[in-house]
Amino acid sequence: MGRQDEIVAERVKKLHELRKIGVNPYPNKYEADSNAKELQEKHKKLKSEASTKDNVSLAGRLLNIRDMGKIAFCTLYDGTGNVQVVLQEKETPEKVREFFKKFIDGGDFVGVQGNVFRTKRGELSVLVKKLELLTKSILPLPDKFHGIVDDEERLRRRYLEIIMNPETRELFVRKSKFWNSIRAFMIARGFLEVETPVLENSAGGASATPFETHHNALDVDIYLRISMGELWQKKLMVAGYPKTFEIGRQFRNEGMDAEHLQDYTQMEFYWGYACYEDGMKLVEEMYKHVAKEVYGKTEFEYKGVKFDLGKKWKVIDYADTIKKDLHIDIWSASKQEMESKLRELKQEFAHGLERGRLVDLLWKVCRKTIVGPAFLTGQPVEVSPLAKRNPKDARKVEQFQVILAGSEMGNGYSELNDAFDQEARFEEQRKMREAGDNEAQEHDESFVEALKYGMPPTCGFGVSERLFSLLENKPIRECVIFPLMKPVDIDKGKEKEK
């Protein structure tokens, strides 16, 4: 029997003994009248070795126990912070100390009641007078100093990492503030928060490979959405809502890397009677607002690249940048010339790609060198089938993408509201799908029909939680509280064979 098995057996034995003496190791409720954060704030001026008459009750998990015989020190974490609880001979009732020594282990949830004081070393503490077991922990927590070393195990058992690592706990507090700051920003500017379908009859609103499933009751094949209700929100523009936005989960059945996951949170807004230039101004304001609200700064670093959101944002042209960096003119170059350039750049690509895909691959080579903050504009029509054409140059669309540290961190455009132009572009996308391009968009007849009723000039924009991971300077999977993992056999710790 290994050390872990011995610990588990000992705790299970305690569990049985508790029940024998009539103690419920899993009571339903505990009334706490204070928490660690409130105590630390209220008594921050309390001097060392000073005590108060405050009698408080707290509840939380014991993270570690140092039993020194006549006195025991424990760290209690209650979700708001840590506070030390102390059991001392002649101060803590003997029955309480005996119960503690016999039945309480690190990891247990307890409720304590006692007086607040500060130790000789300056640690704010509660001198325990009463103690109640609230949940008996059977499995021991990871070692405080070593934690979970294996990254897969750390992400799989994220709850343990959150218990042991305050930095991880704070990361997800910031993530909540990140999305709430965006929500508050949009609402303050008159945008209506909406909810659109997650299950769709056709995968529209983006160029991506969807997840497919089957709806048993309707007996139809359906898709998990690949955009944050883009076509639905534009139908709401048709309906007459002038400003809408949605924050939610979307799903793409594609590769995983430091910046991409299969399911993630995104925000998209749609703004009637506005164009892409209006959107650029609003987005720049929003990013600066979020940075200051969540981090209190505008200067960041991602993968060694430093950038400042507080600076004036540049506007760069798509074709001009490719021509300057790669010495190829996308407007006049043939498919063969673009393929040759991609091979020269050692970029992998599938055989038979359409012009739009080849142009996009060339752009992505250039993007890696742009620090930003910058707006990319002047995208070709082939790479953006839902954007409105630029009236000054029909080869281009009125699109803008946010570029930070070599990565795309947001995408928007003046929405196409010409139903016949949209129908023609959907038809081109259909041909691309038939030729083998799984990311090409499907022809959505219901959306074209809605456009024929009339949609006002509209600016749309979307940003995903990739922006949060960039501001944190971490891979996106690290910034998902419970990332999708391969299933494992918990007993054997090995992946199940498919």
Protein backbone atom coordinates (compact mmCIF):
# COMPACT_ATOMS: atom_id res chain seq x y z
CA MET A 1 0.00 0.00 0.00
CA GLY A 2 1.43 3.37 -1.07
CA ARG A 3 1.50 6.52 1.03
CA GLN A 4 -1.58 7.97 -0.73
CA ASP A 5 -3.55 4.76 -0.11
CA GLU A 6 -2.60 4.86 3.56
CA ILE A 7 -3.83 8.46 3.88
CA VAL A 8 -7.12 7.63 2.16
CA ALA A 9 -7.65 4.55 4.36
CA GLU A 10 -7.00 6.62 7.50
CA ARG A 11 -9.47 9.29 6.44
CA VAL A 12 -12.15 6.75 5.57
CA LYS A 13 -11.64 5.24 9.01
CA LYS A 14 -12.18 8.69 10.57
CA LEU A 15 -15.33 9.04 8.51
CA HIS A 16 -16.76 5.82 9.95
CA GLU A 17 -15.78 6.78 13.50
CA LEU A 18 -17.46 10.16 13.17
CA ARG A 19 -20.70 8.53 12.14
CA LYS A 20 -20.46 6.05 15.01
CA ILE A 21 -20.28 8.89 17.55
CA GLY A 22 -23.21 10.68 15.90
CA VAL A 23 -21.30 13.40 14.04
CA ASN A 24 -22.48 14.11 10.50
CA PRO A 25 -19.30 14.65 8.43
CA TYR A 26 -21.36 16.37 5.70
CA PRO A 27 -23.86 18.76 7.35
CA ASN A 28 -26.23 20.79 5.19
CA LYS A 29 -25.42 24.32 6.30
CA TYR A 30 -23.23 26.61 8.40
CA GLU A 31 -23.95 30.19 9.40
CA ALA A 32 -20.79 32.31 9.04
CA ASP A 33 -21.02 35.98 9.93
CA SER A 34 -17.69 37.10 8.46
CA ASN A 35 -15.06 36.25 5.87
CA ALA A 36 -11.29 36.53 5.51
CA LYS A 37 -11.33 39.60 3.29
CA GLU A 38 -13.61 41.54 5.65
CA LEU A 39 -11.49 40.61 8.67
CA GLN A 40 -8.23 41.60 6.99
CA GLU A 41 -9.71 44.97 6.00
CA LYS A 42 -11.43 45.66 9.33
CA HIS A 43 -8.38 44.84 11.46
CA LYS A 44 -5.53 45.99 9.24
CA LYS A 45 -4.44 48.49 11.94
CA LEU A 46 -4.47 45.90 14.72
CA LYS A 47 -0.99 45.69 16.22
CA SER A 48 1.03 42.54 16.88
CA GLU A 49 0.08 40.61 20.04
CA ALA A 50 -3.10 42.69 20.28
CA SER A 51 -6.52 41.06 20.56
CA THR A 52 -10.09 42.22 20.06
CA LYS A 53 -13.43 41.42 21.62
CA ASP A 54 -14.78 40.54 18.18
CA ASN A 55 -16.27 37.06 18.23
CA VAL A 56 -16.62 35.90 14.65
CA SER A 57 -17.59 32.76 12.79
CA LEU A 58 -15.90 31.72 9.54
CA ALA A 59 -16.20 28.78 7.18
CA GLY A 60 -13.71 27.46 4.65
CA ARG A 61 -11.13 24.85 3.69
CA LEU A 62 -8.06 24.16 5.83
CA LEU A 63 -5.13 24.37 3.45
CA ASN A 64 -2.44 23.33 5.92
CA ILE A 65 -2.10 22.38 9.56
CA ARG A 66 0.89 22.87 11.86
CA ASP A 67 0.17 21.04 15.10
CA MET A 68 2.86 21.82 17.66
CA GLY A 69 1.26 20.03 20.59
CA LYS A 70 -0.02 22.76 22.89
CA ILE A 71 -0.83 25.02 19.97
CA ALA A 72 -1.93 24.39 16.38
CA PHE A 73 -1.87 26.86 13.48
CA CYS A 74 -4.05 26.38 10.39
CA THR A 75 -4.64 28.39 7.22
CA LEU A 76 -8.33 28.70 6.36
CA TYR A 77 -9.30 29.73 2.82
CA ASP A 78 -12.93 30.80 2.36
CA GLY A 79 -13.02 32.03 -1.25
CA THR A 80 -12.29 35.65 -0.31
CA GLY A 81 -8.82 35.08 1.09
CA ASN A 82 -6.82 33.37 3.83
CA VAL A 83 -6.96 33.81 7.57
CA GLN A 84 -5.08 31.91 10.25
CA VAL A 85 -7.02 29.96 12.86
CA VAL A 86 -5.33 28.95 16.11
CA LEU A 87 -6.19 26.25 18.64
CA GLN A 88 -4.29 26.81 21.92
CA GLU A 89 -4.17 24.95 25.19
CA LYS A 90 -6.15 26.66 28.00
CA GLU A 91 -7.72 29.03 25.45
CA THR A 92 -9.49 26.59 23.15
CA PRO A 93 -11.84 24.18 24.99
CA GLU A 94 -10.18 20.79 25.49
CA LYS A 95 -13.03 18.91 23.76
CA VAL A 96 -12.56 21.08 20.68
CA ARG A 97 -8.80 20.43 20.64
CA GLU A 98 -9.31 16.69 21.05
CA PHE A 99 -11.85 16.57 18.23
CA PHE A 100 -9.49 18.57 16.03
CA LYS A 101 -6.48 16.33 16.69
CA LYS A 102 -8.42 13.13 16.16
CA PHE A 103 -10.59 13.93 13.16
CA ILE A 104 -9.45 17.03 11.23
CA ASP A 105 -7.06 16.90 8.27
CA GLY A 106 -5.73 19.37 5.73
CA GLY A 107 -8.31 19.81 2.98
CA ASP A 108 -11.33 19.50 5.32
CA PHE A 109 -13.99 22.21 5.29
CA VAL A 110 -14.68 23.52 8.78
CA GLY A 111 -16.65 26.21 10.53
CA VAL A 112 -14.87 28.02 13.36
CA GLN A 113 -15.92 30.56 15.94
CA GLY A 114 -13.59 32.63 18.09
CA ASN A 115 -11.89 35.92 18.88
CA VAL A 116 -9.78 37.96 16.47
CA PHE A 117 -6.18 38.74 17.42
CA ARG A 118 -2.79 39.32 15.83
CA THR A 119 0.15 37.05 16.62
CA LYS A 120 3.63 38.10 17.67
CA ARG A 121 4.71 37.68 14.03
CA GLY A 122 1.88 39.95 12.85
CA GLU A 123 -0.47 37.29 11.45
CA LEU A 124 -4.17 38.16 11.78
CA SER A 125 -5.79 35.13 13.42
CA VAL A 126 -8.90 33.70 15.02
CA LEU A 127 -8.48 31.99 18.41
CA VAL A 128 -10.86 29.05 18.09
CA LYS A 129 -13.53 28.49 20.74
CA LYS A 130 -15.84 26.29 18.64
CA LEU A 131 -15.13 24.10 15.61
CA GLU A 132 -17.50 22.14 13.36
CA LEU A 133 -16.57 19.74 10.58
CA LEU A 134 -18.47 20.72 7.42
CA THR A 135 -16.98 18.35 4.85
CA LYS A 136 -14.52 15.51 5.37
CA SER A 137 -11.86 15.44 2.65
CA ILE A 138 -10.93 11.91 1.62
CA LEU A 139 -8.18 12.57 -0.94
CA PRO A 140 -5.20 14.64 0.27
CA LEU A 141 -4.42 17.93 -1.44
CA PRO A 142 -1.23 18.18 -3.56
CA ASP A 143 1.98 19.14 -1.81
CA LYS A 144 1.95 22.89 -1.14
CA PHE A 145 5.44 23.47 -2.53
CA HIS A 146 5.41 21.13 -5.53
CA GLY A 147 1.77 21.15 -6.57
CA ILE A 148 0.81 19.28 -9.76
CA VAL A 149 3.86 19.17 -12.01
CA ASP A 150 2.34 17.53 -15.11
CA ASP A 151 0.54 20.13 -17.27
CA GLU A 152 -2.12 17.70 -18.50
CA GLU A 153 -2.98 16.68 -14.94
CA ARG A 154 -2.95 20.31 -13.80
CA LEU A 155 -5.51 21.29 -16.44
CA ARG A 156 -7.54 18.12 -15.96
CA ARG A 157 -7.78 18.74 -12.21
CA ARG A 158 -7.96 22.50 -12.46
CA TYR A 159 -9.93 22.68 -9.21
CA LEU A 160 -6.81 21.50 -7.35
CA GLU A 161 -4.63 24.10 -9.07
CA ILE A 162 -7.11 26.81 -8.10
CA ILE A 163 -7.01 25.62 -4.48
CA MET A 164 -3.22 25.60 -4.34
CA ASN A 165 -2.29 28.50 -6.60
CA PRO A 166 -3.55 32.02 -5.76
CA GLU A 167 -2.31 33.31 -9.15
CA THR A 168 -4.61 30.90 -10.99
CA ARG A 169 -7.53 31.91 -8.76
CA GLU A 170 -6.93 35.57 -9.56
CA LEU A 171 -6.61 34.90 -13.29
CA PHE A 172 -10.21 33.74 -13.48
CA VAL A 173 -11.39 36.63 -11.33
CA ARG A 174 -9.79 38.91 -13.93
CA LYS A 175 -11.45 36.96 -16.73
CA SER A 176 -14.85 37.60 -15.17
CA LYS A 177 -13.98 41.31 -14.92
CA PHE A 178 -12.81 41.25 -18.55
CA TRP A 179 -16.18 40.13 -19.91
CA ASN A 180 -18.17 42.22 -17.43
CA SER A 181 -16.22 45.33 -18.43
CA ILE A 182 -17.05 44.67 -22.09
CA ARG A 183 -20.71 44.06 -21.21
CA ALA A 184 -20.91 47.26 -19.16
CA PHE A 185 -19.17 49.23 -21.94
CA MET A 186 -21.68 48.07 -24.55
CA ILE A 187 -24.74 48.60 -22.36
CA ALA A 188 -23.56 52.09 -21.39
CA ARG A 189 -23.50 52.97 -25.11
CA GLY A 190 -27.05 51.84 -25.74
CA PHE A 191 -26.48 48.30 -27.05
CA LEU A 192 -29.10 45.67 -26.24
CA GLU A 193 -27.77 42.32 -25.03
CA VAL A 194 -29.44 39.44 -26.90
CA GLU A 195 -29.30 35.63 -27.05
CA THR A 196 -29.29 33.83 -30.39
CA PRO A 197 -29.45 30.08 -31.18
CA VAL A 198 -26.50 27.80 -30.44
CA LEU A 199 -28.00 25.03 -32.60
CA GLU A 200 -28.45 25.98 -36.25
CA ASN A 201 -29.74 24.38 -39.44
CA SER A 202 -26.81 25.83 -41.37
CA ALA A 203 -23.39 26.95 -40.13
CA GLY A 204 -23.25 30.63 -41.03
CA GLY A 205 -21.56 33.85 -40.07
CA ALA A 206 -17.93 32.76 -40.45
CA SER A 207 -15.52 30.64 -42.47
CA ALA A 208 -14.92 27.64 -40.21
CA THR A 209 -15.56 23.91 -39.88
CA PRO A 210 -18.59 23.30 -37.64
CA PHE A 211 -19.44 20.51 -35.22
CA GLU A 212 -22.34 18.45 -36.52
CA THR A 213 -24.99 16.67 -34.47
CA HIS A 214 -28.49 15.28 -34.87
CA HIS A 215 -31.74 16.62 -33.42
CA ASN A 216 -33.78 13.55 -32.52
CA ALA A 217 -37.16 15.24 -32.00
CA LEU A 218 -37.06 17.05 -35.36
CA ASP A 219 -35.04 14.27 -37.04
CA VAL A 220 -32.67 16.75 -38.70
CA ASP A 221 -28.90 17.20 -38.79
CA ILE A 222 -27.84 20.47 -37.19
CA TYR A 223 -24.67 22.40 -36.32
CA LEU A 224 -23.20 24.08 -33.27
CA ARG A 225 -22.78 27.75 -34.12
CA ILE A 226 -19.44 29.00 -35.46
CA SER A 227 -20.18 32.69 -34.87
CA MET A 228 -21.84 34.68 -32.12
CA GLY A 229 -25.16 34.79 -33.92
CA GLU A 230 -23.90 36.96 -36.77
CA LEU A 231 -26.71 36.18 -39.21
CA TRP A 232 -29.27 36.19 -36.39
CA GLN A 233 -28.13 39.56 -35.07
CA LYS A 234 -28.29 41.01 -38.55
CA LYS A 235 -31.86 39.71 -38.78
CA LEU A 236 -32.44 41.76 -35.62
CA MET A 237 -31.12 44.79 -37.54
CA VAL A 238 -33.79 43.99 -40.14
CA ALA A 239 -36.30 43.81 -37.27
CA GLY A 240 -35.43 47.36 -36.25
CA TYR A 241 -33.16 47.06 -33.22
CA PRO A 242 -30.47 49.71 -33.76
CA LYS A 243 -27.75 48.22 -31.51
CA THR A 244 -27.32 44.63 -30.32
CA PHE A 245 -24.54 42.49 -28.84
CA GLU A 246 -24.09 38.97 -27.53
CA ILE A 247 -21.48 37.30 -25.32
CA GLY A 248 -21.49 33.51 -25.42
CA ARG A 249 -19.86 30.24 -26.44
CA GLN A 250 -19.17 29.25 -30.04
CA PHE A 251 -17.64 26.11 -31.52
CA ARG A 252 -15.24 25.31 -34.36
CA ASN A 253 -14.10 21.79 -35.19
CA GLU A 254 -10.55 22.79 -36.03
CA GLY A 255 -6.99 22.60 -34.73
CA MET A 256 -5.70 23.53 -31.28
CA ASP A 257 -2.70 25.75 -30.60
CA ALA A 258 -1.65 28.60 -28.31
CA GLU A 259 -4.34 30.89 -29.81
CA HIS A 260 -7.11 28.50 -30.90
CA LEU A 261 -9.59 26.19 -29.18
CA GLN A 262 -12.70 24.32 -30.33
CA ASP A 263 -15.11 26.02 -27.91
CA TYR A 264 -14.58 29.51 -26.59
CA THR A 265 -16.32 32.73 -25.58
CA GLN A 266 -16.86 35.54 -28.07
CA MET A 267 -18.57 38.91 -28.14
CA GLU A 268 -20.14 40.34 -31.28
CA PHE A 269 -21.95 43.63 -31.71
CA TYR A 270 -24.04 45.03 -34.56
CA TRP A 271 -24.59 48.76 -34.90
CA GLY A 272 -27.24 50.12 -37.25
CA TYR A 273 -26.60 53.22 -39.37
CA ALA A 274 -22.84 52.94 -38.70
CA CYS A 275 -19.91 51.96 -40.94
CA TYR A 276 -16.57 50.27 -40.36
CA GLU A 277 -14.87 53.58 -39.57
CA ASP A 278 -17.36 54.17 -36.73
CA GLY A 279 -16.64 50.64 -35.54
CA MET A 280 -12.90 51.28 -35.45
CA LYS A 281 -13.37 54.28 -33.18
CA LEU A 282 -15.68 52.35 -30.83
CA VAL A 283 -13.40 49.29 -30.69
CA GLU A 284 -10.29 51.33 -29.90
CA GLU A 285 -12.20 53.04 -27.09
CA MET A 286 -13.47 49.67 -25.82
CA TYR A 287 -10.03 48.00 -25.73
CA LYS A 288 -8.52 50.91 -23.84
CA HIS A 289 -11.45 50.86 -21.41
CA VAL A 290 -11.14 47.13 -20.75
CA ALA A 291 -7.36 47.34 -20.23
CA LYS A 292 -7.72 50.08 -17.64
CA GLU A 293 -10.73 48.51 -15.89
CA VAL A 294 -9.21 45.03 -15.57
CA TYR A 295 -5.46 45.74 -15.35
CA GLY A 296 -5.16 49.44 -14.55
CA LYS A 297 -2.69 49.91 -17.42
CA THR A 298 -2.40 49.97 -21.22
CA GLU A 299 1.12 48.54 -21.67
CA PHE A 300 1.39 44.78 -22.18
CA GLU A 301 3.76 42.08 -23.39
CA TYR A 302 2.91 38.93 -25.35
CA LYS A 303 5.55 36.31 -26.23
CA GLY A 304 8.29 38.88 -25.73
CA VAL A 305 6.56 41.55 -27.87
CA LYS A 306 5.65 44.76 -26.04
CA PHE A 307 2.76 46.98 -27.13
CA ASP A 308 0.79 49.90 -25.71
CA LEU A 309 -2.96 50.12 -26.26
CA GLY A 310 -2.81 53.73 -25.09
CA LYS A 311 -0.85 54.84 -28.17
CA LYS A 312 -2.44 56.10 -31.37
CA TRP A 313 -3.58 53.08 -33.37
CA LYS A 314 -2.17 52.83 -36.89
CA VAL A 315 -4.27 51.98 -39.97
CA ILE A 316 -2.49 49.70 -42.46
CA ASP A 317 -3.57 48.43 -45.88
CA TYR A 318 -3.83 44.70 -46.62
CA ALA A 319 -2.43 44.61 -50.17
CA ASP A 320 0.16 47.32 -49.57
CA THR A 321 1.56 45.43 -46.57
CA ILE A 322 1.87 42.17 -48.53
CA LYS A 323 3.53 43.97 -51.44
CA LYS A 324 5.97 45.76 -49.15
CA ASP A 325 6.90 42.69 -47.07
CA LEU A 326 6.69 39.86 -49.62
CA HIS A 327 7.18 41.71 -52.94
CA ILE A 328 4.05 40.30 -54.54
CA ASP A 329 1.00 42.21 -55.80
CA ILE A 330 -2.11 40.24 -54.85
CA TRP A 331 -4.24 42.17 -57.35
CA SER A 332 -2.22 41.10 -60.39
CA ALA A 333 -0.50 37.91 -59.24
CA SER A 334 -1.75 34.58 -60.59
CA LYS A 335 -2.59 31.61 -58.37
CA GLN A 336 0.61 29.94 -59.55
CA GLU A 337 2.69 32.98 -58.53
CA MET A 338 1.09 33.04 -55.09
CA GLU A 339 1.64 29.30 -54.63
CA SER A 340 5.28 29.77 -55.66
CA LYS A 341 5.70 32.58 -53.12
CA LEU A 342 4.17 30.43 -50.35
CA ARG A 343 6.57 27.58 -51.19
CA GLU A 344 9.44 30.08 -51.13
CA LEU A 345 8.28 31.14 -47.65
CA LYS A 346 8.06 27.47 -46.60
CA GLN A 347 4.34 27.77 -45.88
CA GLU A 348 2.25 24.60 -46.10
CA PHE A 349 -0.99 24.76 -48.08
CA ALA A 350 -3.45 22.35 -49.66
CA HIS A 351 -3.49 21.77 -53.41
CA GLY A 352 -6.18 23.58 -55.41
CA LEU A 353 -6.97 26.43 -53.00
CA GLU A 354 -8.96 29.36 -54.35
CA ARG A 355 -7.35 32.80 -54.68
CA GLY A 356 -8.90 34.06 -51.45
CA ARG A 357 -7.33 31.30 -49.37
CA LEU A 358 -3.90 31.82 -50.97
CA VAL A 359 -4.08 35.58 -50.36
CA ASP A 360 -5.06 34.97 -46.73
CA LEU A 361 -2.05 32.67 -46.22
CA LEU A 362 0.27 35.34 -47.62
CA TRP A 363 -1.23 37.93 -45.28
CA LYS A 364 -0.76 35.72 -42.23
CA VAL A 365 2.98 35.63 -42.93
CA CYS A 366 3.05 39.44 -42.82
CA ARG A 367 0.83 39.68 -39.76
CA LYS A 368 3.41 37.99 -37.53
CA THR A 369 5.74 41.00 -37.86
CA ILE A 370 3.20 43.69 -36.92
CA VAL A 371 3.43 44.82 -33.28
CA GLY A 372 0.42 47.15 -33.25
CA PRO A 373 -1.91 48.30 -32.00
CA ALA A 374 -3.09 48.61 -35.59
CA PHE A 375 -6.19 48.29 -37.71
CA LEU A 376 -5.83 46.27 -40.90
CA THR A 377 -8.10 47.52 -43.71
CA GLY A 378 -8.53 47.03 -47.46
CA GLN A 379 -9.18 43.28 -47.42
CA PRO A 380 -10.07 41.65 -50.80
CA VAL A 381 -13.69 40.62 -51.40
CA GLU A 382 -12.59 36.96 -51.74
CA VAL A 383 -11.52 36.72 -48.11
CA SER A 384 -14.62 38.35 -46.60
CA PRO A 385 -17.94 37.16 -48.11
CA LEU A 386 -20.18 39.02 -45.63
CA ALA A 387 -18.60 42.51 -45.79
CA LYS A 388 -19.75 45.46 -47.89
CA ARG A 389 -17.64 46.47 -50.88
CA ASN A 390 -15.62 49.65 -50.70
CA PRO A 391 -17.39 52.13 -53.01
CA LYS A 392 -14.02 53.61 -54.01
CA ASP A 393 -12.48 50.23 -54.94
CA ALA A 394 -14.81 47.31 -55.69
CA ARG A 395 -11.96 44.80 -55.24
CA LYS A 396 -11.94 45.59 -51.51
CA VAL A 397 -14.39 45.42 -48.64
CA GLU A 398 -14.92 47.83 -45.75
CA GLN A 399 -13.34 45.59 -43.11
CA PHE A 400 -11.09 46.20 -40.12
CA GLN A 401 -9.07 43.74 -38.04
CA VAL A 402 -7.28 44.52 -34.78
CA ILE A 403 -3.61 43.48 -34.87
CA LEU A 404 -1.69 43.14 -31.60
CA ALA A 405 1.72 41.48 -31.18
CA GLY A 406 1.45 39.76 -34.56
CA SER A 407 -1.99 38.27 -33.92
CA GLU A 408 -5.53 39.10 -35.00
CA MET A 409 -7.48 40.27 -31.96
CA GLY A 410 -10.85 41.28 -33.39
CA ASN A 411 -12.61 41.53 -36.73
CA GLY A 412 -15.33 43.83 -38.01
CA TYR A 413 -16.77 45.38 -41.13
CA SER A 414 -19.52 47.34 -42.77
CA GLU A 415 -22.09 44.58 -43.18
CA LEU A 416 -23.25 43.61 -46.62
CA ASN A 417 -26.92 44.52 -46.95
CA ASP A 418 -27.38 44.12 -50.72
CA ALA A 419 -29.36 40.88 -50.89
CA PHE A 420 -28.37 40.09 -54.50
CA ASP A 421 -24.66 40.72 -53.87
CA GLN A 422 -24.89 38.52 -50.76
CA GLU A 423 -26.64 35.78 -52.72
CA ALA A 424 -23.92 35.84 -55.40
CA ARG A 425 -21.18 35.60 -52.77
CA PHE A 426 -22.92 32.69 -51.06
CA GLU A 427 -23.02 30.99 -54.44
CA GLU A 428 -19.24 31.44 -54.80
CA GLN A 429 -18.79 29.98 -51.32
CA ARG A 430 -20.98 27.02 -52.31
CA LYS A 431 -18.71 26.29 -55.27
CA MET A 432 -15.68 26.41 -52.96
CA ARG A 433 -17.32 23.88 -50.62
CA GLU A 434 -18.08 21.57 -53.53
CA ALA A 435 -14.42 21.84 -54.54
CA GLY A 436 -13.38 20.58 -51.10
CA ASP A 437 -13.06 23.74 -48.95
CA ASN A 438 -14.78 22.70 -45.69
CA GLU A 439 -14.44 26.22 -44.24
CA ALA A 440 -16.37 27.91 -47.05
CA GLN A 441 -19.75 29.25 -45.94
CA GLU A 442 -23.07 27.63 -46.75
CA HIS A 443 -25.78 29.36 -48.72
CA ASP A 444 -28.26 30.64 -46.11
CA GLU A 445 -31.46 31.31 -48.01
CA SER A 446 -33.35 32.52 -44.93
CA PHE A 447 -30.75 35.23 -44.36
CA VAL A 448 -30.90 36.37 -47.99
CA GLU A 449 -34.70 36.51 -47.66
CA ALA A 450 -34.38 38.70 -44.54
CA LEU A 451 -32.02 41.05 -46.39
CA LYS A 452 -34.61 41.47 -49.14
CA TYR A 453 -36.91 43.05 -46.55
CA GLY A 454 -34.15 45.60 -45.98
CA MET A 455 -31.36 45.98 -43.43
CA PRO A 456 -30.03 49.45 -42.58
CA PRO A 457 -26.32 50.28 -43.02
CA THR A 458 -24.68 48.29 -40.21
CA CYS A 459 -21.25 47.80 -38.64
CA GLY A 460 -20.52 44.44 -37.02
CA PHE A 461 -17.55 43.37 -34.92
CA GLY A 462 -16.41 40.31 -32.99
CA VAL A 463 -13.68 39.61 -30.44
CA SER A 464 -12.97 36.34 -28.62
CA GLU A 465 -11.31 35.41 -25.36
CA ARG A 466 -8.08 35.19 -27.33
CA LEU A 467 -7.73 38.88 -26.44
CA PHE A 468 -7.83 38.01 -22.74
CA SER A 469 -5.14 35.35 -23.15
CA LEU A 470 -2.96 37.86 -25.00
CA LEU A 471 -3.32 40.45 -22.24
CA GLU A 472 -2.43 37.70 -19.73
CA ASN A 473 0.54 36.63 -21.90
CA LYS A 474 -0.57 33.00 -21.69
CA PRO A 475 -1.69 30.28 -24.12
CA ILE A 476 -5.46 30.39 -24.51
CA ARG A 477 -5.96 26.92 -22.95
CA GLU A 478 -4.38 28.22 -19.73
CA CYS A 479 -7.07 30.89 -19.65
CA VAL A 480 -10.01 28.48 -19.90
CA ILE A 481 -11.12 27.39 -16.47
CA PHE A 482 -11.96 23.81 -17.57
CA PRO A 483 -10.45 23.20 -21.04
CA LEU A 484 -11.63 20.19 -23.03
CA MET A 485 -9.31 17.22 -22.41
CA LYS A 486 -9.10 13.66 -23.69
CA PRO A 487 -10.94 11.25 -21.36
CA VAL A 488 -8.80 9.13 -19.05
CA ASP A 489 -9.24 6.09 -16.87
CA ILE A 490 -8.94 7.73 -13.45
CA ASP A 491 -7.91 4.49 -11.75
CA LYS A 492 -5.11 3.74 -14.20
CA GLY A 493 -4.33 7.32 -15.19
CA LYS A 494 -4.17 6.27 -18.85
CA GLU A 495 -6.14 7.45 -21.84
CA LYS A 496 -8.97 5.17 -22.79
CA GLU A 497 -8.38 3.26 -25.97
CA LYS A 498 -10.83 4.23 -28.63
